[in-house]
Amino acid sequence: MYCEKCKRIIQEERCPFCKRSIVREPEQKDLCLLTERDYISSGILEDILQQRGIPFLRKGVMGAGLAIKVGPMLDRSRFYVSFDQLEAAREVADELFAAAEEAGGGETESGTGCG
C-alpha cells in the first residue's frame, strides 16, 4: 500500500507513520521516500544515484532558510524515487551504507521510507 501523505510504501491498511487510513496501491510514477540522510551521506548518495542513472528528488528537511542559518552540516536530506525505480535505488542505498551501519558509525535510516 502507498500513503500519499508520507510518500511511503507500507504493509498495513493504515499508515503507521501519520495514522492516515487513506492508502492505495502504488502506481509506477508515485514518488516514494527512499531514505533520509545527513549532509555528507546525502552528497555521496546523490552522486551514486546520478552515476547509476536513477532519477531522484532530494529535499532538505530543514529548508533552505534554516540550513543557511544553522549551517548545511546540520541539515538532512530526504531522497524520493519513483516506485518503478525503488528496488534499484534501495540496492544502491543498502550497498552504500551497509558497511557504515555494520561498523556502528552509520545511520539506520536506509530503506525506512519504503517497505
PDB file of N, CA and C in Angstrom:
ATOM      1  N   MET A   1       0.844  -1.188   0.000  1.00  0.00           N
ATOM      2  CA  MET A   1       0.000   0.000   0.000  1.00  0.00           C
ATOM      3  C   MET A   1       0.884   1.244   0.000  1.00  0.00           C
ATOM      4  N   TYR A   2       0.318   2.360  -0.410  1.00  0.00           N
ATOM      5  CA  TYR A   2       1.058   3.617  -0.544  1.00  0.00           C
ATOM      6  C   TYR A   2       0.321   4.724   0.200  1.00  0.00           C
ATOM      7  N   CYS A   3       1.045   5.445   1.045  1.00  0.00           N
ATOM      8  CA  CYS A   3       0.486   6.604   1.740  1.00  0.00           C
ATOM      9  C   CYS A   3       0.910   7.856   0.984  1.00  0.00           C
ATOM     10  N   GLU A   4      -0.056   8.565   0.425  1.00  0.00           N
ATOM     11  CA  GLU A   4       0.251   9.772  -0.345  1.00  0.00           C
ATOM     12  C   GLU A   4       0.835  10.878   0.527  1.00  0.00           C
ATOM     13  N   LYS A   5       0.420  10.945   1.770  1.00  0.00           N
ATOM     14  CA  LYS A   5       0.921  11.993   2.654  1.00  0.00           C
ATOM     15  C   LYS A   5       2.395  11.785   2.999  1.00  0.00           C
ATOM     16  N   CYS A   6       2.745  10.568   3.400  1.00  0.00           N
ATOM     17  CA  CYS A   6       4.119  10.260   3.818  1.00  0.00           C
ATOM     18  C   CYS A   6       5.020   9.865   2.660  1.00  0.00           C
ATOM     19  N   LYS A   7       4.415   9.518   1.546  1.00  0.00           N
ATOM     20  CA  LYS A   7       5.162   9.025   0.384  1.00  0.00           C
ATOM     21  C   LYS A   7       5.926   7.748   0.720  1.00  0.00           C
ATOM     22  N   ARG A   8       5.287   6.874   1.466  1.00  0.00           N
ATOM     23  CA  ARG A   8       5.920   5.631   1.903  1.00  0.00           C
ATOM     24  C   ARG A   8       5.128   4.424   1.424  1.00  0.00           C
ATOM     25  N   ILE A   9       5.854   3.356   1.157  1.00  0.00           N
ATOM     26  CA  ILE A   9       5.243   2.064   0.892  1.00  0.00           C
ATOM     27  C   ILE A   9       5.064   1.396   2.259  1.00  0.00           C
ATOM     28  N   ILE A  10       3.854   0.944   2.516  1.00  0.00           N
ATOM     29  CA  ILE A  10       3.554   0.346   3.812  1.00  0.00           C
ATOM     30  C   ILE A  10       2.853  -0.990   3.602  1.00  0.00           C
ATOM     31  N   GLN A  11       2.824  -1.802   4.629  1.00  0.00           N
ATOM     32  CA  GLN A  11       2.175  -3.107   4.554  1.00  0.00           C
ATOM     33  C   GLN A  11       0.761  -3.072   5.123  1.00  0.00           C
ATOM     34  N   GLU A  12       0.464  -2.098   5.956  1.00  0.00           N
ATOM     35  CA  GLU A  12      -0.809  -2.030   6.659  1.00  0.00           C
ATOM     36  C   GLU A  12      -1.853  -1.261   5.859  1.00  0.00           C
ATOM     37  N   GLU A  13      -3.090  -1.336   6.308  1.00  0.00           N
ATOM     38  CA  GLU A  13      -4.191  -0.588   5.704  1.00  0.00           C
ATOM     39  C   GLU A  13      -4.272   0.830   6.268  1.00  0.00           C
ATOM     40  N   ARG A  14      -3.526   1.104   7.321  1.00  0.00           N
ATOM     41  CA  ARG A  14      -3.436   2.438   7.927  1.00  0.00           C
ATOM     42  C   ARG A  14      -1.952   2.753   8.048  1.00  0.00           C
ATOM     43  N   CYS A  15      -1.569   3.957   7.661  1.00  0.00           N
ATOM     44  CA  CYS A  15      -0.155   4.341   7.703  1.00  0.00           C
ATOM     45  C   CYS A  15       0.327   4.390   9.159  1.00  0.00           C
ATOM     46  N   PRO A  16       1.380   3.645   9.488  1.00  0.00           N
ATOM     47  CA  PRO A  16       1.884   3.664  10.861  1.00  0.00           C
ATOM     48  C   PRO A  16       2.644   4.947  11.209  1.00  0.00           C
ATOM     49  N   PHE A  17       2.957   5.762  10.214  1.00  0.00           N
ATOM     50  CA  PHE A  17       3.723   6.980  10.446  1.00  0.00           C
ATOM     51  C   PHE A  17       2.823   8.190  10.690  1.00  0.00           C
ATOM     52  N   CYS A  18       1.793   8.361   9.854  1.00  0.00           N
ATOM     53  CA  CYS A  18       0.904   9.516  10.010  1.00  0.00           C
ATOM     54  C   CYS A  18      -0.486   9.114  10.494  1.00  0.00           C
ATOM     55  N   LYS A  19      -0.735   7.818  10.619  1.00  0.00           N
ATOM     56  CA  LYS A  19      -2.015   7.256  11.079  1.00  0.00           C
ATOM     57  C   LYS A  19      -3.156   7.492  10.099  1.00  0.00           C
ATOM     58  N   ARG A  20      -2.828   7.907   8.896  1.00  0.00           N
ATOM     59  CA  ARG A  20      -3.839   8.147   7.875  1.00  0.00           C
ATOM     60  C   ARG A  20      -4.386   6.819   7.362  1.00  0.00           C
ATOM     61  N   SER A  21      -5.687   6.739   7.191  1.00  0.00           N
ATOM     62  CA  SER A  21      -6.296   5.488   6.733  1.00  0.00           C
ATOM     63  C   SER A  21      -6.555   5.490   5.232  1.00  0.00           C
ATOM     64  N   ILE A  22      -6.292   6.604   4.584  1.00  0.00           N
ATOM     65  CA  ILE A  22      -6.499   6.672   3.139  1.00  0.00           C
ATOM     66  C   ILE A  22      -5.191   6.270   2.454  1.00  0.00           C
ATOM     67  N   VAL A  23      -5.086   4.986   2.131  1.00  0.00           N
ATOM     68  CA  VAL A  23      -3.929   4.453   1.433  1.00  0.00           C
ATOM     69  C   VAL A  23      -4.428   3.729   0.188  1.00  0.00           C
ATOM     70  N   ARG A  24      -3.517   3.499  -0.757  1.00  0.00           N
ATOM     71  CA  ARG A  24      -3.903   2.856  -2.003  1.00  0.00           C
ATOM     72  C   ARG A  24      -2.741   2.041  -2.544  1.00  0.00           C
ATOM     73  N   GLU A  25      -3.011   1.320  -3.596  1.00  0.00           N
ATOM     74  CA  GLU A  25      -1.949   0.578  -4.272  1.00  0.00           C
ATOM     75  C   GLU A  25      -1.025   1.585  -4.953  1.00  0.00           C
ATOM     76  N   PRO A  26       0.290   1.366  -4.904  1.00  0.00           N
ATOM     77  CA  PRO A  26       1.215   2.299  -5.546  1.00  0.00           C
ATOM     78  C   PRO A  26       1.147   2.206  -7.066  1.00  0.00           C
ATOM     79  N   GLU A  27       1.360   3.343  -7.699  1.00  0.00           N
ATOM     80  CA  GLU A  27       1.453   3.407  -9.156  1.00  0.00           C
ATOM     81  C   GLU A  27       2.921   3.592  -9.531  1.00  0.00           C
ATOM     82  N   GLN A  28       3.280   3.251 -10.744  1.00  0.00           N
ATOM     83  CA  GLN A  28       4.674   3.249 -11.175  1.00  0.00           C
ATOM     84  C   GLN A  28       5.382   4.592 -10.968  1.00  0.00           C
ATOM     85  N   LYS A  29       4.706   5.702 -11.153  1.00  0.00           N
ATOM     86  CA  LYS A  29       5.341   7.023 -11.071  1.00  0.00           C
ATOM     87  C   LYS A  29       5.174   7.710  -9.716  1.00  0.00           C
ATOM     88  N   ASP A  30       4.592   7.034  -8.739  1.00  0.00           N
ATOM     89  CA  ASP A  30       4.449   7.619  -7.401  1.00  0.00           C
ATOM     90  C   ASP A  30       5.822   7.861  -6.799  1.00  0.00           C
ATOM     91  N   LEU A  31       6.032   9.056  -6.256  1.00  0.00           N
ATOM     92  CA  LEU A  31       7.277   9.324  -5.536  1.00  0.00           C
ATOM     93  C   LEU A  31       7.241   8.598  -4.202  1.00  0.00           C
ATOM     94  N   CYS A  32       8.345   7.954  -3.885  1.00  0.00           N
ATOM     95  CA  CYS A  32       8.406   7.136  -2.683  1.00  0.00           C
ATOM     96  C   CYS A  32       9.666   7.493  -1.897  1.00  0.00           C
ATOM     97  N   LEU A  33       9.511   7.694  -0.599  1.00  0.00           N
ATOM     98  CA  LEU A  33      10.650   8.016   0.249  1.00  0.00           C
ATOM     99  C   LEU A  33      11.611   6.838   0.296  1.00  0.00           C
ATOM    100  N   LEU A  34      12.844   7.087  -0.122  1.00  0.00           N
ATOM    101  CA  LEU A  34      13.875   6.057  -0.096  1.00  0.00           C
ATOM    102  C   LEU A  34      14.601   6.063   1.241  1.00  0.00           C
ATOM    103  N   THR A  35      15.103   7.227   1.638  1.00  0.00           N
ATOM    104  CA  THR A  35      15.872   7.326   2.876  1.00  0.00           C
ATOM    105  C   THR A  35      16.028   8.788   3.271  1.00  0.00           C
ATOM    106  N   GLU A  36      16.429   9.008   4.502  1.00  0.00           N
ATOM    107  CA  GLU A  36      16.786  10.332   4.999  1.00  0.00           C
ATOM    108  C   GLU A  36      18.211  10.236   5.507  1.00  0.00           C
ATOM    109  N   ARG A  37      19.064  11.169   5.078  1.00  0.00           N
ATOM    110  CA  ARG A  37      20.492  11.105   5.398  1.00  0.00           C
ATOM    111  C   ARG A  37      21.042  12.471   5.805  1.00  0.00           C
ATOM    112  N   ASP A  38      22.183  12.432   6.500  1.00  0.00           N
ATOM    113  CA  ASP A  38      22.865  13.669   6.873  1.00  0.00           C
ATOM    114  C   ASP A  38      23.514  14.300   5.642  1.00  0.00           C
ATOM    115  N   TYR A  39      24.100  15.464   5.827  1.00  0.00           N
ATOM    116  CA  TYR A  39      24.642  16.256   4.723  1.00  0.00           C
ATOM    117  C   TYR A  39      25.703  15.486   3.923  1.00  0.00           C
ATOM    118  N   ILE A  40      26.661  14.889   4.588  1.00  0.00           N
ATOM    119  CA  ILE A  40      27.745  14.184   3.911  1.00  0.00           C
ATOM    120  C   ILE A  40      27.215  12.952   3.181  1.00  0.00           C
ATOM    121  N   SER A  41      26.454  12.129   3.858  1.00  0.00           N
ATOM    122  CA  SER A  41      25.909  10.918   3.246  1.00  0.00           C
ATOM    123  C   SER A  41      24.987  11.254   2.082  1.00  0.00           C
ATOM    124  N   SER A  42      24.271  12.356   2.182  1.00  0.00           N
ATOM    125  CA  SER A  42      23.376  12.769   1.107  1.00  0.00           C
ATOM    126  C   SER A  42      24.151  13.082  -0.168  1.00  0.00           C
ATOM    127  N   GLY A  43      25.275  13.747  -0.011  1.00  0.00           N
ATOM    128  CA  GLY A  43      26.097  14.063  -1.177  1.00  0.00           C
ATOM    129  C   GLY A  43      26.627  12.813  -1.862  1.00  0.00           C
ATOM    130  N   ILE A  44      27.027  11.845  -1.064  1.00  0.00           N
ATOM    131  CA  ILE A  44      27.538  10.591  -1.615  1.00  0.00           C
ATOM    132  C   ILE A  44      26.423   9.838  -2.331  1.00  0.00           C
ATOM    133  N   LEU A  45      25.261   9.718  -1.679  1.00  0.00           N
ATOM    134  CA  LEU A  45      24.144   9.002  -2.280  1.00  0.00           C
ATOM    135  C   LEU A  45      23.691   9.694  -3.564  1.00  0.00           C
ATOM    136  N   GLU A  46      23.624  11.008  -3.549  1.00  0.00           N
ATOM    137  CA  GLU A  46      23.220  11.758  -4.744  1.00  0.00           C
ATOM    138  C   GLU A  46      24.150  11.443  -5.911  1.00  0.00           C
ATOM    139  N   ASP A  47      25.449  11.451  -5.658  1.00  0.00           N
ATOM    140  CA  ASP A  47      26.430  11.184  -6.701  1.00  0.00           C
ATOM    141  C   ASP A  47      26.255   9.776  -7.285  1.00  0.00           C
ATOM    142  N   ILE A  48      26.083   8.790  -6.432  1.00  0.00           N
ATOM    143  CA  ILE A  48      25.962   7.414  -6.906  1.00  0.00           C
ATOM    144  C   ILE A  48      24.651   7.195  -7.661  1.00  0.00           C
ATOM    145  N   LEU A  49      23.550   7.772  -7.174  1.00  0.00           N
ATOM    146  CA  LEU A  49      22.288   7.647  -7.904  1.00  0.00           C
ATOM    147  C   LEU A  49      22.404   8.267  -9.292  1.00  0.00           C
ATOM    148  N   GLN A  50      23.086   9.401  -9.396  1.00  0.00           N
ATOM    149  CA  GLN A  50      23.291  10.031 -10.697  1.00  0.00           C
ATOM    150  C   GLN A  50      24.138   9.141 -11.601  1.00  0.00           C
ATOM    151  N   GLN A  51      25.205   8.573 -11.052  1.00  0.00           N
ATOM    152  CA  GLN A  51      26.062   7.685 -11.841  1.00  0.00           C
ATOM    153  C   GLN A  51      25.298   6.477 -12.360  1.00  0.00           C
ATOM    154  N   ARG A  52      24.387   5.964 -11.573  1.00  0.00           N
ATOM    155  CA  ARG A  52      23.614   4.780 -11.975  1.00  0.00           C
ATOM    156  C   ARG A  52      22.403   5.141 -12.847  1.00  0.00           C
ATOM    157  N   GLY A  53      22.175   6.417 -13.051  1.00  0.00           N
ATOM    158  CA  GLY A  53      21.066   6.848 -13.897  1.00  0.00           C
ATOM    159  C   GLY A  53      19.702   6.658 -13.263  1.00  0.00           C
ATOM    160  N   ILE A  54      19.645   6.703 -11.931  1.00  0.00           N
ATOM    161  CA  ILE A  54      18.372   6.566 -11.215  1.00  0.00           C
ATOM    162  C   ILE A  54      17.851   7.961 -10.891  1.00  0.00           C
ATOM    163  N   PRO A  55      16.730   8.359 -11.503  1.00  0.00           N
ATOM    164  CA  PRO A  55      16.178   9.685 -11.207  1.00  0.00           C
ATOM    165  C   PRO A  55      15.681   9.762  -9.762  1.00  0.00           C
ATOM    166  N   PHE A  56      15.904  10.898  -9.132  1.00  0.00           N
ATOM    167  CA  PHE A  56      15.509  11.071  -7.734  1.00  0.00           C
ATOM    168  C   PHE A  56      15.200  12.530  -7.465  1.00  0.00           C
ATOM    169  N   LEU A  57      14.569  12.762  -6.332  1.00  0.00           N
ATOM    170  CA  LEU A  57      14.319  14.106  -5.823  1.00  0.00           C
ATOM    171  C   LEU A  57      14.959  14.167  -4.452  1.00  0.00           C
ATOM    172  N   ARG A  58      15.795  15.175  -4.241  1.00  0.00           N
ATOM    173  CA  ARG A  58      16.429  15.378  -2.939  1.00  0.00           C
ATOM    174  C   ARG A  58      15.822  16.628  -2.321  1.00  0.00           C
ATOM    175  N   LYS A  59      15.321  16.481  -1.110  1.00  0.00           N
ATOM    176  CA  LYS A  59      14.649  17.595  -0.439  1.00  0.00           C
ATOM    177  C   LYS A  59      15.230  17.755   0.958  1.00  0.00           C
ATOM    178  N   GLY A  60      15.681  18.962   1.282  1.00  0.00           N
ATOM    179  CA  GLY A  60      16.210  19.245   2.607  1.00  0.00           C
ATOM    180  C   GLY A  60      15.106  19.217   3.650  1.00  0.00           C
ATOM    181  N   VAL A  61      15.399  18.653   4.798  1.00  0.00           N
ATOM    182  CA  VAL A  61      14.416  18.552   5.868  1.00  0.00           C
ATOM    183  C   VAL A  61      14.166  19.909   6.503  1.00  0.00           C
ATOM    184  N   MET A  62      15.226  20.662   6.743  1.00  0.00           N
ATOM    185  CA  MET A  62      15.098  21.955   7.412  1.00  0.00           C
ATOM    186  C   MET A  62      14.591  23.050   6.494  1.00  0.00           C
ATOM    187  N   GLY A  63      14.843  22.945   5.231  1.00  0.00           N
ATOM    188  CA  GLY A  63      14.542  24.026   4.318  1.00  0.00           C
ATOM    189  C   GLY A  63      15.761  24.915   4.164  1.00  0.00           C
ATOM    190  N   ALA A  64      15.813  25.647   3.082  1.00  0.00           N
ATOM    191  CA  ALA A  64      16.995  26.434   2.747  1.00  0.00           C
ATOM    192  C   ALA A  64      17.294  27.521   3.780  1.00  0.00           C
ATOM    193  N   GLY A  65      16.274  28.229   4.241  1.00  0.00           N
ATOM    194  CA  GLY A  65      16.497  29.326   5.181  1.00  0.00           C
ATOM    195  C   GLY A  65      17.144  28.878   6.477  1.00  0.00           C
ATOM    196  N   LEU A  66      16.607  27.846   7.083  1.00  0.00           N
ATOM    197  CA  LEU A  66      17.148  27.348   8.337  1.00  0.00           C
ATOM    198  C   LEU A  66      18.519  26.711   8.134  1.00  0.00           C
ATOM    199  N   ALA A  67      18.706  26.023   7.013  1.00  0.00           N
ATOM    200  CA  ALA A  67      20.003  25.400   6.723  1.00  0.00           C
ATOM    201  C   ALA A  67      21.092  26.468   6.593  1.00  0.00           C
ATOM    202  N   ILE A  68      20.758  27.598   5.993  1.00  0.00           N
ATOM    203  CA  ILE A  68      21.737  28.695   5.877  1.00  0.00           C
ATOM    204  C   ILE A  68      22.064  29.248   7.257  1.00  0.00           C
ATOM    205  N   LYS A  69      21.061  29.384   8.095  1.00  0.00           N
ATOM    206  CA  LYS A  69      21.254  29.957   9.424  1.00  0.00           C
ATOM    207  C   LYS A  69      22.089  29.051  10.340  1.00  0.00           C
ATOM    208  N   VAL A  70      21.787  27.737  10.367  1.00  0.00           N
ATOM    209  CA  VAL A  70      22.499  26.833  11.278  1.00  0.00           C
ATOM    210  C   VAL A  70      23.685  26.139  10.612  1.00  0.00           C
ATOM    211  N   GLY A  71      23.765  26.230   9.312  1.00  0.00           N
ATOM    212  CA  GLY A  71      24.864  25.599   8.582  1.00  0.00           C
ATOM    213  C   GLY A  71      24.413  24.316   7.918  1.00  0.00           C
ATOM    214  N   PRO A  72      24.934  24.054   6.740  1.00  0.00           N
ATOM    215  CA  PRO A  72      24.495  22.893   5.983  1.00  0.00           C
ATOM    216  C   PRO A  72      24.868  21.554   6.622  1.00  0.00           C
ATOM    217  N   MET A  73      25.877  21.529   7.468  1.00  0.00           N
ATOM    218  CA  MET A  73      26.308  20.265   8.066  1.00  0.00           C
ATOM    219  C   MET A  73      25.250  19.677   9.010  1.00  0.00           C
ATOM    220  N   LEU A  74      24.338  20.509   9.499  1.00  0.00           N
ATOM    221  CA  LEU A  74      23.286  20.022  10.384  1.00  0.00           C
ATOM    222  C   LEU A  74      22.020  19.628   9.622  1.00  0.00           C
ATOM    223  N   ASP A  75      21.989  19.955   8.328  1.00  0.00           N
ATOM    224  CA  ASP A  75      20.801  19.636   7.537  1.00  0.00           C
ATOM    225  C   ASP A  75      20.777  18.157   7.178  1.00  0.00           C
ATOM    226  N   ARG A  76      19.598  17.672   6.938  1.00  0.00           N
ATOM    227  CA  ARG A  76      19.375  16.293   6.493  1.00  0.00           C
ATOM    228  C   ARG A  76      18.568  16.371   5.209  1.00  0.00           C
ATOM    229  N   SER A  77      18.743  15.397   4.361  1.00  0.00           N
ATOM    230  CA  SER A  77      18.002  15.354   3.103  1.00  0.00           C
ATOM    231  C   SER A  77      17.204  14.072   2.994  1.00  0.00           C
ATOM    232  N   ARG A  78      16.024  14.207   2.414  1.00  0.00           N
ATOM    233  CA  ARG A  78      15.203  13.043   2.104  1.00  0.00           C
ATOM    234  C   ARG A  78      15.298  12.792   0.602  1.00  0.00           C
ATOM    235  N   PHE A  79      15.440  11.534   0.269  1.00  0.00           N
ATOM    236  CA  PHE A  79      15.531  11.130  -1.126  1.00  0.00           C
ATOM    237  C   PHE A  79      14.260  10.402  -1.521  1.00  0.00           C
ATOM    238  N   TYR A  80      13.696  10.838  -2.641  1.00  0.00           N
ATOM    239  CA  TYR A  80      12.492  10.233  -3.183  1.00  0.00           C
ATOM    240  C   TYR A  80      12.794   9.691  -4.578  1.00  0.00           C
ATOM    241  N   VAL A  81      12.279   8.513  -4.869  1.00  0.00           N
ATOM    242  CA  VAL A  81      12.391   7.933  -6.207  1.00  0.00           C
ATOM    243  C   VAL A  81      11.011   7.447  -6.618  1.00  0.00           C
ATOM    244  N   SER A  82      10.815   7.287  -7.919  1.00  0.00           N
ATOM    245  CA  SER A  82       9.528   6.762  -8.373  1.00  0.00           C
ATOM    246  C   SER A  82       9.435   5.285  -7.997  1.00  0.00           C
ATOM    247  N   PHE A  83       8.223   4.815  -7.832  1.00  0.00           N
ATOM    248  CA  PHE A  83       8.002   3.441  -7.405  1.00  0.00           C
ATOM    249  C   PHE A  83       8.682   2.446  -8.342  1.00  0.00           C
ATOM    250  N   ASP A  84       8.692   2.752  -9.643  1.00  0.00           N
ATOM    251  CA  ASP A  84       9.314   1.824 -10.593  1.00  0.00           C
ATOM    252  C   ASP A  84      10.841   1.786 -10.483  1.00  0.00           C
ATOM    253  N   GLN A  85      11.451   2.737  -9.803  1.00  0.00           N
ATOM    254  CA  GLN A  85      12.901   2.764  -9.586  1.00  0.00           C
ATOM    255  C   GLN A  85      13.282   2.393  -8.154  1.00  0.00           C
ATOM    256  N   LEU A  86      12.296   2.080  -7.348  1.00  0.00           N
ATOM    257  CA  LEU A  86      12.513   1.874  -5.916  1.00  0.00           C
ATOM    258  C   LEU A  86      13.488   0.743  -5.611  1.00  0.00           C
ATOM    259  N   GLU A  87      13.314  -0.406  -6.213  1.00  0.00           N
ATOM    260  CA  GLU A  87      14.186  -1.541  -5.906  1.00  0.00           C
ATOM    261  C   GLU A  87      15.637  -1.247  -6.276  1.00  0.00           C
ATOM    262  N   ALA A  88      15.857  -0.654  -7.438  1.00  0.00           N
ATOM    263  CA  ALA A  88      17.226  -0.316  -7.862  1.00  0.00           C
ATOM    264  C   ALA A  88      17.850   0.694  -6.900  1.00  0.00           C
ATOM    265  N   ALA A  89      17.061   1.686  -6.482  1.00  0.00           N
ATOM    266  CA  ALA A  89      17.570   2.706  -5.556  1.00  0.00           C
ATOM    267  C   ALA A  89      17.843   2.109  -4.179  1.00  0.00           C
ATOM    268  N   ARG A  90      17.000   1.200  -3.730  1.00  0.00           N
ATOM    269  CA  ARG A  90      17.226   0.529  -2.439  1.00  0.00           C
ATOM    270  C   ARG A  90      18.536  -0.250  -2.453  1.00  0.00           C
ATOM    271  N   GLU A  91      18.786  -0.945  -3.547  1.00  0.00           N
ATOM    272  CA  GLU A  91      20.029  -1.713  -3.664  1.00  0.00           C
ATOM    273  C   GLU A  91      21.242  -0.802  -3.546  1.00  0.00           C
ATOM    274  N   VAL A  92      21.181   0.351  -4.217  1.00  0.00           N
ATOM    275  CA  VAL A  92      22.274   1.316  -4.149  1.00  0.00           C
ATOM    276  C   VAL A  92      22.470   1.803  -2.721  1.00  0.00           C
ATOM    277  N   ALA A  93      21.381   2.229  -2.069  1.00  0.00           N
ATOM    278  CA  ALA A  93      21.469   2.752  -0.702  1.00  0.00           C
ATOM    279  C   ALA A  93      21.944   1.682   0.277  1.00  0.00           C
ATOM    280  N   ASP A  94      21.402   0.479   0.141  1.00  0.00           N
ATOM    281  CA  ASP A  94      21.804  -0.597   1.049  1.00  0.00           C
ATOM    282  C   ASP A  94      23.279  -0.939   0.880  1.00  0.00           C
ATOM    283  N   GLU A  95      23.723  -1.021  -0.356  1.00  0.00           N
ATOM    284  CA  GLU A  95      25.130  -1.324  -0.638  1.00  0.00           C
ATOM    285  C   GLU A  95      26.043  -0.222  -0.111  1.00  0.00           C
ATOM    286  N   LEU A  96      25.640   1.019  -0.317  1.00  0.00           N
ATOM    287  CA  LEU A  96      26.456   2.159   0.082  1.00  0.00           C
ATOM    288  C   LEU A  96      26.596   2.269   1.594  1.00  0.00           C
ATOM    289  N   PHE A  97      25.510   2.085   2.314  1.00  0.00           N
ATOM    290  CA  PHE A  97      25.523   2.336   3.749  1.00  0.00           C
ATOM    291  C   PHE A  97      25.665   1.093   4.622  1.00  0.00           C
ATOM    292  N   ALA A  98      25.681  -0.081   4.042  1.00  0.00           N
ATOM    293  CA  ALA A  98      25.774  -1.314   4.824  1.00  0.00           C
ATOM    294  C   ALA A  98      27.060  -1.378   5.648  1.00  0.00           C
ATOM    295  N   ALA A  99      28.190  -1.039   5.054  1.00  0.00           N
ATOM    296  CA  ALA A  99      29.467  -1.117   5.768  1.00  0.00           C
ATOM    297  C   ALA A  99      29.494  -0.149   6.951  1.00  0.00           C
ATOM    298  N   ALA A 100      28.997   1.064   6.759  1.00  0.00           N
ATOM    299  CA  ALA A 100      28.993   2.054   7.837  1.00  0.00           C
ATOM    300  C   ALA A 100      28.070   1.621   8.969  1.00  0.00           C
ATOM    301  N   GLU A 101      26.929   1.046   8.624  1.00  0.00           N
ATOM    302  CA  GLU A 101      25.980   0.613   9.648  1.00  0.00           C
ATOM    303  C   GLU A 101      26.518  -0.579  10.429  1.00  0.00           C
ATOM    304  N   GLU A 102      27.220  -1.481   9.743  1.00  0.00           N
ATOM    305  CA  GLU A 102      27.822  -2.625  10.432  1.00  0.00           C
ATOM    306  C   GLU A 102      28.900  -2.181  11.400  1.00  0.00           C
ATOM    307  N   ALA A 103      29.628  -1.124  11.030  1.00  0.00           N
ATOM    308  CA  ALA A 103      30.692  -0.615  11.883  1.00  0.00           C
ATOM    309  C   ALA A 103      30.141   0.178  13.060  1.00  0.00           C
ATOM    310  N   GLY A 104      28.847   0.496  13.016  1.00  0.00           N
ATOM    311  CA  GLY A 104      28.230   1.230  14.113  1.00  0.00           C
ATOM    312  C   GLY A 104      28.363   2.728  13.976  1.00  0.00           C
ATOM    313  N   GLY A 105      29.000   3.189  12.928  1.00  0.00           N
ATOM    314  CA  GLY A 105      29.178   4.621  12.751  1.00  0.00           C
ATOM    315  C   GLY A 105      28.158   5.239  11.837  1.00  0.00           C
ATOM    316  N   GLY A 106      27.330   4.430  11.205  1.00  0.00           N
ATOM    317  CA  GLY A 106      26.379   4.958  10.238  1.00  0.00           C
ATOM    318  C   GLY A 106      25.000   5.145  10.828  1.00  0.00           C
ATOM    319  N   GLU A 107      24.125   5.577   9.962  1.00  0.00           N
ATOM    320  CA  GLU A 107      22.747   5.802  10.359  1.00  0.00           C
ATOM    321  C   GLU A 107      21.948   4.545  10.067  1.00  0.00           C
ATOM    322  N   THR A 108      20.770   4.493  10.580  1.00  0.00           N
ATOM    323  CA  THR A 108      19.916   3.338  10.343  1.00  0.00           C
ATOM    324  C   THR A 108      18.684   3.697   9.532  1.00  0.00           C
ATOM    325  N   GLU A 109      18.752   4.766   8.760  1.00  0.00           N
ATOM    326  CA  GLU A 109      17.586   5.232   8.019  1.00  0.00           C
ATOM    327  C   GLU A 109      17.443   4.590   6.650  1.00  0.00           C
ATOM    328  N   SER A 110      18.437   3.920   6.134  1.00  0.00           N
ATOM    329  CA  SER A 110      18.358   3.389   4.782  1.00  0.00           C
ATOM    330  C   SER A 110      17.175   2.465   4.622  1.00  0.00           C
ATOM    331  N   GLY A 111      16.347   2.795   3.644  1.00  0.00           N
ATOM    332  CA  GLY A 111      15.213   1.942   3.361  1.00  0.00           C
ATOM    333  C   GLY A 111      14.022   2.122   4.276  1.00  0.00           C
ATOM    334  N   THR A 112      14.096   2.961   5.276  1.00  0.00           N
ATOM    335  CA  THR A 112      12.972   3.069   6.196  1.00  0.00           C
ATOM    336  C   THR A 112      11.796   3.758   5.554  1.00  0.00           C
ATOM    337  N   GLY A 113      12.038   4.500   4.517  1.00  0.00           N
ATOM    338  CA  GLY A 113      10.933   5.191   3.899  1.00  0.00           C
ATOM    339  C   GLY A 113       9.999   4.269   3.167  1.00  0.00           C
ATOM    340  N   CYS A 114      10.474   3.215   2.632  1.00  0.00           N
ATOM    341  CA  CYS A 114       9.660   2.361   1.795  1.00  0.00           C
ATOM    342  C   CYS A 114       9.863   0.924   2.171  1.00  0.00           C
ATOM    343  N   GLY A 115       8.848   0.303   2.603  1.00  0.00           N
ATOM    344  CA  GLY A 115       8.957  -1.118   2.851  1.00  0.00           C
ATOM    345  C   GLY A 115       8.595  -1.415   4.213  1.00  0.00           C
TER     346      GLY A 115
END
